[in-house]
Amino acid sequence: MSNKHSSKELGSLAAKILKDPNASKIEKELAGSVLSQTNTDKVTSKELESKASKVLTSEHCSDTAKSLAGSVLSQSKKSR
């Protein structure tokens, strides 16, 4: 299991994104994952890992989405 947790600051950002009607679908999906991994031992699913990887390499995604994607990937299983 991963012993990493999302930071409180990133958790706060994720909560704001989930409430933002203008946030993109992928931002909200990543934000939900970040929140679910704040102060827990939950790990990222393979499906979300794949999406987060694509966000990091996309020139069309916001810096916010990329920050969330980085956090989500840091919560993934190292054995994958």
N, C-alpha and C. Protein backbone atom coordinates (compact mmCIF):
# COMPACT_ATOMS: atom_id res chain seq x y z
N MET A 1 0.82 -1.19 0.00
CA MET A 1 0.00 0.00 0.00
C MET A 1 0.86 1.25 0.00
N SER A 2 0.35 2.28 -0.55
CA SER A 2 1.04 3.57 -0.58
C SER A 2 0.94 4.21 0.80
N ASN A 3 2.04 4.78 1.26
CA ASN A 3 1.98 5.49 2.52
C ASN A 3 1.99 7.00 2.30
N LYS A 4 1.79 7.40 1.07
CA LYS A 4 1.72 8.82 0.73
C LYS A 4 0.28 9.28 0.84
N HIS A 5 0.11 10.54 1.17
CA HIS A 5 -1.23 11.13 1.28
C HIS A 5 -1.22 12.46 0.53
N SER A 6 -2.36 12.85 0.02
CA SER A 6 -2.49 14.17 -0.59
C SER A 6 -2.33 15.22 0.51
N SER A 7 -1.67 16.32 0.18
CA SER A 7 -1.46 17.38 1.17
C SER A 7 -2.78 18.08 1.48
N LYS A 8 -2.82 18.74 2.64
CA LYS A 8 -4.02 19.49 3.02
C LYS A 8 -4.28 20.61 2.02
N GLU A 9 -3.20 21.24 1.54
CA GLU A 9 -3.36 22.34 0.58
C GLU A 9 -4.00 21.84 -0.71
N LEU A 10 -3.52 20.70 -1.19
CA LEU A 10 -4.08 20.15 -2.42
C LEU A 10 -5.50 19.65 -2.18
N GLY A 11 -5.75 19.14 -1.00
CA GLY A 11 -7.11 18.73 -0.64
C GLY A 11 -8.06 19.90 -0.65
N SER A 12 -7.58 21.04 -0.16
CA SER A 12 -8.40 22.26 -0.15
C SER A 12 -8.68 22.73 -1.58
N LEU A 13 -7.65 22.69 -2.43
CA LEU A 13 -7.83 23.06 -3.84
C LEU A 13 -8.83 22.11 -4.50
N ALA A 14 -8.71 20.83 -4.21
CA ALA A 14 -9.61 19.84 -4.80
C ALA A 14 -11.06 20.11 -4.40
N ALA A 15 -11.27 20.47 -3.14
CA ALA A 15 -12.63 20.78 -2.67
C ALA A 15 -13.20 21.98 -3.42
N LYS A 16 -12.37 22.99 -3.65
CA LYS A 16 -12.81 24.18 -4.39
C LYS A 16 -13.17 23.83 -5.83
N ILE A 17 -12.37 22.97 -6.43
CA ILE A 17 -12.62 22.57 -7.82
C ILE A 17 -13.95 21.83 -7.93
N LEU A 18 -14.22 20.96 -6.97
CA LEU A 18 -15.48 20.20 -7.02
C LEU A 18 -16.69 21.11 -6.91
N LYS A 19 -16.54 22.26 -6.27
CA LYS A 19 -17.65 23.21 -6.13
C LYS A 19 -17.72 24.20 -7.30
N ASP A 20 -16.68 24.25 -8.12
CA ASP A 20 -16.59 25.22 -9.21
C ASP A 20 -17.37 24.73 -10.43
N PRO A 21 -18.43 25.45 -10.81
CA PRO A 21 -19.22 25.02 -11.97
C PRO A 21 -18.46 25.14 -13.29
N ASN A 22 -17.37 25.90 -13.30
CA ASN A 22 -16.59 26.08 -14.52
C ASN A 22 -15.41 25.11 -14.64
N ALA A 23 -15.19 24.29 -13.63
CA ALA A 23 -14.09 23.33 -13.68
C ALA A 23 -14.41 22.25 -14.71
N SER A 24 -13.37 21.77 -15.37
CA SER A 24 -13.56 20.74 -16.39
C SER A 24 -13.89 19.39 -15.74
N LYS A 25 -14.40 18.50 -16.55
CA LYS A 25 -14.76 17.15 -16.08
C LYS A 25 -13.53 16.44 -15.52
N ILE A 26 -12.41 16.53 -16.23
CA ILE A 26 -11.20 15.83 -15.77
C ILE A 26 -10.67 16.46 -14.49
N GLU A 27 -10.76 17.79 -14.35
CA GLU A 27 -10.34 18.43 -13.10
C GLU A 27 -11.17 17.91 -11.93
N LYS A 28 -12.48 17.79 -12.15
CA LYS A 28 -13.35 17.30 -11.08
C LYS A 28 -13.07 15.83 -10.76
N GLU A 29 -12.80 15.04 -11.77
CA GLU A 29 -12.50 13.63 -11.53
C GLU A 29 -11.19 13.48 -10.74
N LEU A 30 -10.18 14.24 -11.14
CA LEU A 30 -8.90 14.20 -10.42
C LEU A 30 -9.05 14.75 -9.01
N ALA A 31 -9.83 15.82 -8.88
CA ALA A 31 -10.05 16.43 -7.56
C ALA A 31 -10.73 15.44 -6.62
N GLY A 32 -11.69 14.70 -7.13
CA GLY A 32 -12.36 13.69 -6.32
C GLY A 32 -11.39 12.63 -5.83
N SER A 33 -10.48 12.24 -6.70
CA SER A 33 -9.49 11.25 -6.31
C SER A 33 -8.54 11.81 -5.26
N VAL A 34 -8.10 13.05 -5.46
CA VAL A 34 -7.21 13.69 -4.49
C VAL A 34 -7.89 13.74 -3.12
N LEU A 35 -9.15 14.16 -3.09
CA LEU A 35 -9.86 14.24 -1.81
C LEU A 35 -10.00 12.86 -1.16
N SER A 36 -10.27 11.86 -1.96
CA SER A 36 -10.45 10.52 -1.39
C SER A 36 -9.14 9.96 -0.85
N GLN A 37 -8.02 10.54 -1.27
CA GLN A 37 -6.71 10.07 -0.84
C GLN A 37 -6.08 10.97 0.22
N THR A 38 -6.82 11.95 0.70
CA THR A 38 -6.31 12.83 1.74
C THR A 38 -6.50 12.12 3.09
N ASN A 39 -5.40 11.91 3.78
CA ASN A 39 -5.40 11.24 5.10
C ASN A 39 -5.96 9.83 5.07
N THR A 40 -5.78 9.13 3.97
CA THR A 40 -6.19 7.72 3.88
C THR A 40 -5.08 6.94 3.19
N ASP A 41 -5.20 5.64 3.16
CA ASP A 41 -4.24 4.79 2.46
C ASP A 41 -4.77 4.31 1.11
N LYS A 42 -5.79 4.99 0.60
CA LYS A 42 -6.35 4.60 -0.69
C LYS A 42 -5.32 4.86 -1.79
N VAL A 43 -5.36 4.04 -2.83
CA VAL A 43 -4.46 4.21 -3.96
C VAL A 43 -5.26 4.46 -5.23
N THR A 44 -4.61 5.01 -6.21
CA THR A 44 -5.23 5.36 -7.48
C THR A 44 -5.52 4.11 -8.31
N SER A 45 -6.68 4.11 -8.96
CA SER A 45 -7.03 2.99 -9.85
C SER A 45 -6.20 3.06 -11.13
N LYS A 46 -6.08 1.93 -11.81
CA LYS A 46 -5.34 1.89 -13.08
C LYS A 46 -5.94 2.86 -14.09
N GLU A 47 -7.27 2.90 -14.13
CA GLU A 47 -7.97 3.76 -15.09
C GLU A 47 -7.63 5.23 -14.85
N LEU A 48 -7.67 5.65 -13.60
CA LEU A 48 -7.39 7.05 -13.29
C LEU A 48 -5.90 7.35 -13.46
N GLU A 49 -5.05 6.37 -13.20
CA GLU A 49 -3.61 6.53 -13.45
C GLU A 49 -3.38 6.88 -14.91
N SER A 50 -4.05 6.15 -15.79
CA SER A 50 -3.91 6.37 -17.22
C SER A 50 -4.38 7.77 -17.61
N LYS A 51 -5.52 8.19 -17.08
CA LYS A 51 -6.04 9.53 -17.38
C LYS A 51 -5.09 10.60 -16.86
N ALA A 52 -4.58 10.41 -15.65
CA ALA A 52 -3.67 11.40 -15.06
C ALA A 52 -2.39 11.52 -15.88
N SER A 53 -1.89 10.40 -16.37
CA SER A 53 -0.69 10.42 -17.22
C SER A 53 -0.93 11.23 -18.48
N LYS A 54 -2.11 11.06 -19.07
CA LYS A 54 -2.45 11.80 -20.28
C LYS A 54 -2.57 13.29 -20.00
N VAL A 55 -3.11 13.65 -18.84
CA VAL A 55 -3.23 15.06 -18.46
C VAL A 55 -1.85 15.69 -18.38
N LEU A 56 -0.90 14.98 -17.76
CA LEU A 56 0.44 15.54 -17.59
C LEU A 56 1.15 15.78 -18.91
N THR A 57 0.82 15.01 -19.92
CA THR A 57 1.49 15.17 -21.21
C THR A 57 0.69 16.01 -22.20
N SER A 58 -0.49 16.44 -21.80
CA SER A 58 -1.35 17.22 -22.69
C SER A 58 -1.01 18.70 -22.64
N GLU A 59 -0.98 19.32 -23.80
CA GLU A 59 -0.77 20.77 -23.82
C GLU A 59 -2.08 21.53 -23.66
N HIS A 60 -3.19 20.81 -23.62
CA HIS A 60 -4.51 21.43 -23.53
C HIS A 60 -5.05 21.49 -22.10
N CYS A 61 -4.41 20.82 -21.17
CA CYS A 61 -4.90 20.78 -19.79
C CYS A 61 -4.30 21.92 -18.97
N SER A 62 -5.07 22.40 -18.02
CA SER A 62 -4.64 23.51 -17.17
C SER A 62 -3.55 23.08 -16.20
N ASP A 63 -2.85 24.08 -15.66
CA ASP A 63 -1.84 23.81 -14.64
C ASP A 63 -2.48 23.17 -13.41
N THR A 64 -3.70 23.58 -13.11
CA THR A 64 -4.43 23.01 -11.97
C THR A 64 -4.65 21.52 -12.20
N ALA A 65 -5.11 21.16 -13.39
CA ALA A 65 -5.34 19.75 -13.71
C ALA A 65 -4.03 18.97 -13.62
N LYS A 66 -2.95 19.57 -14.06
CA LYS A 66 -1.65 18.89 -14.01
C LYS A 66 -1.17 18.70 -12.57
N SER A 67 -1.43 19.68 -11.71
CA SER A 67 -1.07 19.53 -10.29
C SER A 67 -1.84 18.39 -9.66
N LEU A 68 -3.13 18.34 -9.95
CA LEU A 68 -3.97 17.26 -9.42
C LEU A 68 -3.51 15.91 -9.97
N ALA A 69 -3.20 15.88 -11.26
CA ALA A 69 -2.76 14.63 -11.89
C ALA A 69 -1.46 14.13 -11.25
N GLY A 70 -0.55 15.05 -10.96
CA GLY A 70 0.70 14.66 -10.31
C GLY A 70 0.44 14.04 -8.95
N SER A 71 -0.47 14.62 -8.20
CA SER A 71 -0.81 14.08 -6.89
C SER A 71 -1.45 12.71 -7.02
N VAL A 72 -2.36 12.58 -7.96
CA VAL A 72 -3.04 11.30 -8.18
C VAL A 72 -2.02 10.21 -8.53
N LEU A 73 -1.08 10.54 -9.40
CA LEU A 73 -0.07 9.55 -9.79
C LEU A 73 0.86 9.20 -8.64
N SER A 74 1.11 10.15 -7.76
CA SER A 74 1.99 9.86 -6.62
C SER A 74 1.33 8.89 -5.65
N GLN A 75 0.02 8.72 -5.75
CA GLN A 75 -0.73 7.80 -4.88
C GLN A 75 -0.89 6.42 -5.52
N SER A 76 -0.32 6.23 -6.71
CA SER A 76 -0.53 4.96 -7.40
C SER A 76 0.38 3.87 -6.83
N LYS A 77 0.03 2.63 -7.13
CA LYS A 77 0.84 1.50 -6.68
C LYS A 77 2.14 1.49 -7.47
N LYS A 78 3.24 1.36 -6.79
CA LYS A 78 4.54 1.35 -7.47
C LYS A 78 4.75 0.08 -8.29
N SER A 79 4.06 -0.99 -7.95
CA SER A 79 4.26 -2.26 -8.65
C SER A 79 3.63 -2.29 -10.04
N ARG A 80 2.82 -1.29 -10.37
CA ARG A 80 2.18 -1.28 -11.70
C ARG A 80 3.13 -0.78 -12.74
